[in-house]
Amino acid sequence: MTKSSKQPVRESTLVEAERLINGERAESYGPAKESFTRIAALWSIVLGIEVKPEQVAMCMLTLKVGRWVVGQQRDSIVDIAGYAELADKIVSEG
């Protein structure tokens, strides 16, 4: 096998999720806790119940599970890992 015919090494799902949530997504949307607090406030109005920032992360995670069931797209798995990390981060920050 020649060097040019080798497949590129795929980044691990967890490494990719970590890179996205602490890089590109954080730059685009700001700190996760602030973003999810803002979303929680809006969802609370729409739903008529109190929604917490960590619940936003878990709801987004389940959205990605629903999408994965239909399409098994790798980006959904990466996002599931990312939302799980963000939920944990938000809870641990208090």
N, C-alpha and C. Protein backbone atom coordinates (compact mmCIF):
# COMPACT_ATOMS: atom_id res chain seq x y z
N MET A 1 0.84 -1.18 0.00
CA MET A 1 0.00 0.00 0.00
C MET A 1 0.89 1.23 0.00
N THR A 2 0.61 2.15 -0.89
CA THR A 2 1.39 3.37 -0.94
C THR A 2 0.86 4.38 0.05
N LYS A 3 1.70 5.34 0.36
CA LYS A 3 1.30 6.38 1.32
C LYS A 3 0.05 7.11 0.86
N SER A 4 -0.06 7.38 -0.42
CA SER A 4 -1.20 8.15 -0.92
C SER A 4 -2.51 7.38 -0.86
N SER A 5 -2.47 6.04 -0.77
CA SER A 5 -3.71 5.26 -0.72
C SER A 5 -4.16 4.94 0.70
N LYS A 6 -3.41 5.36 1.71
CA LYS A 6 -3.81 5.12 3.09
C LYS A 6 -4.99 6.00 3.46
N GLN A 7 -5.88 5.43 4.25
CA GLN A 7 -7.02 6.19 4.76
C GLN A 7 -6.54 7.13 5.86
N PRO A 8 -7.07 8.35 5.92
CA PRO A 8 -6.69 9.25 7.01
C PRO A 8 -7.17 8.69 8.34
N VAL A 9 -6.43 8.95 9.37
CA VAL A 9 -6.81 8.49 10.70
C VAL A 9 -7.99 9.33 11.16
N ARG A 10 -9.05 8.64 11.56
CA ARG A 10 -10.25 9.35 12.01
C ARG A 10 -10.09 9.78 13.45
N GLU A 11 -10.46 11.02 13.70
CA GLU A 11 -10.42 11.56 15.06
C GLU A 11 -11.44 10.82 15.92
N SER A 12 -11.08 10.53 17.16
CA SER A 12 -12.02 9.84 18.04
C SER A 12 -13.24 10.71 18.28
N THR A 13 -14.38 10.08 18.49
CA THR A 13 -15.63 10.78 18.74
C THR A 13 -15.50 11.73 19.92
N LEU A 14 -14.90 11.26 21.01
CA LEU A 14 -14.77 12.08 22.20
C LEU A 14 -13.81 13.25 21.99
N VAL A 15 -12.73 13.02 21.28
CA VAL A 15 -11.78 14.10 20.99
C VAL A 15 -12.44 15.14 20.10
N GLU A 16 -13.19 14.69 19.10
CA GLU A 16 -13.87 15.63 18.22
C GLU A 16 -14.92 16.45 18.98
N ALA A 17 -15.69 15.79 19.84
CA ALA A 17 -16.71 16.50 20.64
C ALA A 17 -16.05 17.53 21.53
N GLU A 18 -14.96 17.16 22.18
CA GLU A 18 -14.23 18.08 23.06
C GLU A 18 -13.71 19.28 22.27
N ARG A 19 -13.16 19.01 21.11
CA ARG A 19 -12.63 20.09 20.27
C ARG A 19 -13.74 21.05 19.85
N LEU A 20 -14.88 20.51 19.49
CA LEU A 20 -15.99 21.36 19.04
C LEU A 20 -16.58 22.20 20.18
N ILE A 21 -16.86 21.56 21.32
CA ILE A 21 -17.54 22.32 22.39
C ILE A 21 -16.64 23.34 23.05
N ASN A 22 -15.34 23.12 23.00
CA ASN A 22 -14.41 24.08 23.61
C ASN A 22 -13.74 24.99 22.58
N GLY A 23 -14.10 24.84 21.32
CA GLY A 23 -13.50 25.64 20.27
C GLY A 23 -14.56 26.36 19.45
N GLU A 24 -14.87 25.76 18.32
CA GLU A 24 -15.77 26.36 17.35
C GLU A 24 -17.14 26.74 17.94
N ARG A 25 -17.76 25.84 18.68
CA ARG A 25 -19.10 26.13 19.22
C ARG A 25 -19.03 27.19 20.32
N ALA A 26 -18.01 27.12 21.16
CA ALA A 26 -17.86 28.13 22.21
C ALA A 26 -17.62 29.51 21.60
N GLU A 27 -16.86 29.56 20.52
CA GLU A 27 -16.61 30.83 19.85
C GLU A 27 -17.88 31.38 19.20
N SER A 28 -18.69 30.48 18.63
CA SER A 28 -19.91 30.90 17.95
C SER A 28 -21.02 31.30 18.92
N TYR A 29 -21.17 30.54 20.02
CA TYR A 29 -22.33 30.71 20.89
C TYR A 29 -22.01 31.18 22.29
N GLY A 30 -20.74 31.33 22.61
CA GLY A 30 -20.35 31.74 23.96
C GLY A 30 -20.31 30.55 24.91
N PRO A 31 -20.03 30.82 26.17
CA PRO A 31 -19.95 29.74 27.15
C PRO A 31 -21.26 28.95 27.22
N ALA A 32 -21.15 27.64 27.32
CA ALA A 32 -22.31 26.77 27.28
C ALA A 32 -23.33 27.10 28.37
N LYS A 33 -22.85 27.36 29.58
CA LYS A 33 -23.79 27.64 30.67
C LYS A 33 -24.61 28.89 30.37
N GLU A 34 -23.98 29.93 29.84
CA GLU A 34 -24.71 31.15 29.48
C GLU A 34 -25.72 30.88 28.37
N SER A 35 -25.27 30.18 27.34
CA SER A 35 -26.14 29.88 26.21
C SER A 35 -27.33 29.02 26.64
N PHE A 36 -27.06 27.98 27.42
CA PHE A 36 -28.13 27.06 27.83
C PHE A 36 -29.05 27.71 28.86
N THR A 37 -28.54 28.64 29.65
CA THR A 37 -29.39 29.39 30.57
C THR A 37 -30.36 30.27 29.79
N ARG A 38 -29.87 30.89 28.75
CA ARG A 38 -30.72 31.72 27.89
C ARG A 38 -31.78 30.87 27.20
N ILE A 39 -31.38 29.73 26.67
CA ILE A 39 -32.33 28.82 26.01
C ILE A 39 -33.35 28.31 27.03
N ALA A 40 -32.90 27.95 28.23
CA ALA A 40 -33.80 27.46 29.27
C ALA A 40 -34.86 28.50 29.61
N ALA A 41 -34.47 29.76 29.69
CA ALA A 41 -35.43 30.83 29.99
C ALA A 41 -36.49 30.92 28.89
N LEU A 42 -36.08 30.81 27.65
CA LEU A 42 -37.02 30.86 26.54
C LEU A 42 -37.94 29.64 26.52
N TRP A 43 -37.36 28.45 26.72
CA TRP A 43 -38.18 27.24 26.75
C TRP A 43 -39.15 27.27 27.93
N SER A 44 -38.74 27.85 29.04
CA SER A 44 -39.62 27.96 30.20
C SER A 44 -40.88 28.76 29.86
N ILE A 45 -40.70 29.82 29.09
CA ILE A 45 -41.85 30.64 28.67
C ILE A 45 -42.76 29.84 27.74
N VAL A 46 -42.16 29.19 26.77
CA VAL A 46 -42.93 28.42 25.78
C VAL A 46 -43.67 27.25 26.45
N LEU A 47 -42.99 26.52 27.33
CA LEU A 47 -43.55 25.32 27.93
C LEU A 47 -44.38 25.59 29.18
N GLY A 48 -44.20 26.76 29.77
CA GLY A 48 -44.94 27.09 30.98
C GLY A 48 -44.46 26.35 32.22
N ILE A 49 -43.23 25.86 32.18
CA ILE A 49 -42.60 25.20 33.32
C ILE A 49 -41.16 25.68 33.42
N GLU A 50 -40.56 25.50 34.58
CA GLU A 50 -39.16 25.90 34.72
C GLU A 50 -38.26 24.86 34.03
N VAL A 51 -37.42 25.35 33.15
CA VAL A 51 -36.43 24.50 32.47
C VAL A 51 -35.06 24.97 32.93
N LYS A 52 -34.23 24.01 33.31
CA LYS A 52 -32.87 24.33 33.78
C LYS A 52 -31.87 24.14 32.64
N PRO A 53 -30.74 24.82 32.71
CA PRO A 53 -29.73 24.72 31.64
C PRO A 53 -29.29 23.28 31.36
N GLU A 54 -29.11 22.49 32.41
CA GLU A 54 -28.69 21.09 32.18
C GLU A 54 -29.77 20.28 31.49
N GLN A 55 -31.04 20.67 31.69
CA GLN A 55 -32.13 19.99 30.99
C GLN A 55 -32.11 20.33 29.50
N VAL A 56 -31.69 21.54 29.18
CA VAL A 56 -31.52 21.90 27.77
C VAL A 56 -30.51 20.96 27.12
N ALA A 57 -29.38 20.75 27.79
CA ALA A 57 -28.35 19.85 27.25
C ALA A 57 -28.91 18.44 27.05
N MET A 58 -29.66 17.95 28.02
CA MET A 58 -30.21 16.60 27.92
C MET A 58 -31.28 16.52 26.83
N CYS A 59 -32.08 17.56 26.67
CA CYS A 59 -33.08 17.57 25.60
C CYS A 59 -32.41 17.58 24.23
N MET A 60 -31.34 18.35 24.10
CA MET A 60 -30.62 18.38 22.83
C MET A 60 -29.97 17.03 22.55
N LEU A 61 -29.47 16.40 23.60
CA LEU A 61 -28.90 15.06 23.46
C LEU A 61 -29.96 14.09 22.94
N THR A 62 -31.17 14.13 23.50
CA THR A 62 -32.21 13.21 23.04
C THR A 62 -32.66 13.54 21.61
N LEU A 63 -32.61 14.81 21.22
CA LEU A 63 -32.89 15.17 19.83
C LEU A 63 -31.89 14.47 18.92
N LYS A 64 -30.63 14.49 19.30
CA LYS A 64 -29.59 13.85 18.49
C LYS A 64 -29.76 12.33 18.45
N VAL A 65 -30.22 11.73 19.57
CA VAL A 65 -30.50 10.29 19.58
C VAL A 65 -31.61 9.99 18.58
N GLY A 66 -32.66 10.81 18.59
CA GLY A 66 -33.75 10.62 17.65
C GLY A 66 -33.30 10.71 16.20
N ARG A 67 -32.41 11.62 15.92
CA ARG A 67 -31.87 11.74 14.56
C ARG A 67 -30.98 10.56 14.22
N TRP A 68 -30.17 10.11 15.19
CA TRP A 68 -29.25 9.01 14.93
C TRP A 68 -30.01 7.73 14.60
N VAL A 69 -31.13 7.50 15.29
CA VAL A 69 -31.92 6.29 15.06
C VAL A 69 -32.33 6.18 13.59
N VAL A 70 -32.60 7.30 12.97
CA VAL A 70 -33.05 7.30 11.58
C VAL A 70 -31.88 7.26 10.60
N GLY A 71 -30.80 8.00 10.90
CA GLY A 71 -29.76 8.15 9.90
C GLY A 71 -28.38 7.66 10.24
N GLN A 72 -28.11 7.30 11.49
CA GLN A 72 -26.78 6.86 11.94
C GLN A 72 -25.65 7.74 11.40
N GLN A 73 -25.85 9.05 11.46
CA GLN A 73 -24.81 9.98 11.03
C GLN A 73 -23.79 10.18 12.15
N ARG A 74 -22.53 10.16 11.80
CA ARG A 74 -21.48 10.31 12.81
C ARG A 74 -21.59 11.62 13.57
N ASP A 75 -22.00 12.69 12.90
CA ASP A 75 -22.09 13.97 13.59
C ASP A 75 -23.10 13.93 14.74
N SER A 76 -24.13 13.09 14.62
CA SER A 76 -25.08 12.95 15.72
C SER A 76 -24.41 12.30 16.93
N ILE A 77 -23.59 11.30 16.70
CA ILE A 77 -22.87 10.65 17.81
C ILE A 77 -21.91 11.63 18.46
N VAL A 78 -21.21 12.40 17.66
CA VAL A 78 -20.28 13.41 18.20
C VAL A 78 -21.06 14.42 19.04
N ASP A 79 -22.20 14.87 18.52
CA ASP A 79 -23.01 15.84 19.26
C ASP A 79 -23.57 15.24 20.55
N ILE A 80 -23.95 13.97 20.54
CA ILE A 80 -24.43 13.30 21.76
C ILE A 80 -23.34 13.35 22.83
N ALA A 81 -22.12 13.01 22.44
CA ALA A 81 -21.00 13.07 23.38
C ALA A 81 -20.78 14.50 23.87
N GLY A 82 -20.89 15.46 22.98
CA GLY A 82 -20.71 16.87 23.35
C GLY A 82 -21.77 17.35 24.31
N TYR A 83 -23.03 17.03 24.05
CA TYR A 83 -24.10 17.46 24.94
C TYR A 83 -24.00 16.77 26.31
N ALA A 84 -23.57 15.52 26.33
CA ALA A 84 -23.36 14.83 27.62
C ALA A 84 -22.28 15.55 28.42
N GLU A 85 -21.20 15.92 27.77
CA GLU A 85 -20.12 16.65 28.44
C GLU A 85 -20.60 18.01 28.94
N LEU A 86 -21.37 18.70 28.12
CA LEU A 86 -21.87 20.02 28.51
C LEU A 86 -22.84 19.92 29.70
N ALA A 87 -23.69 18.90 29.71
CA ALA A 87 -24.60 18.70 30.85
C ALA A 87 -23.80 18.50 32.12
N ASP A 88 -22.78 17.65 32.05
CA ASP A 88 -21.93 17.40 33.22
C ASP A 88 -21.21 18.67 33.66
N LYS A 89 -20.71 19.42 32.71
CA LYS A 89 -19.98 20.66 33.00
C LYS A 89 -20.90 21.68 33.69
N ILE A 90 -22.10 21.83 33.17
CA ILE A 90 -23.07 22.78 33.75
C ILE A 90 -23.43 22.39 35.18
N VAL A 91 -23.69 21.11 35.40
CA VAL A 91 -24.04 20.63 36.75
C VAL A 91 -22.87 20.81 37.70
N SER A 92 -21.67 20.48 37.25
CA SER A 92 -20.50 20.57 38.15
C SER A 92 -20.13 22.02 38.47
N GLU A 93 -20.46 22.96 37.56
CA GLU A 93 -20.18 24.37 37.81
C GLU A 93 -21.18 24.97 38.80
N GLY A 94 -22.32 24.28 38.95
CA GLY A 94 -23.33 24.74 39.92
C GLY A 94 -24.12 25.87 39.49
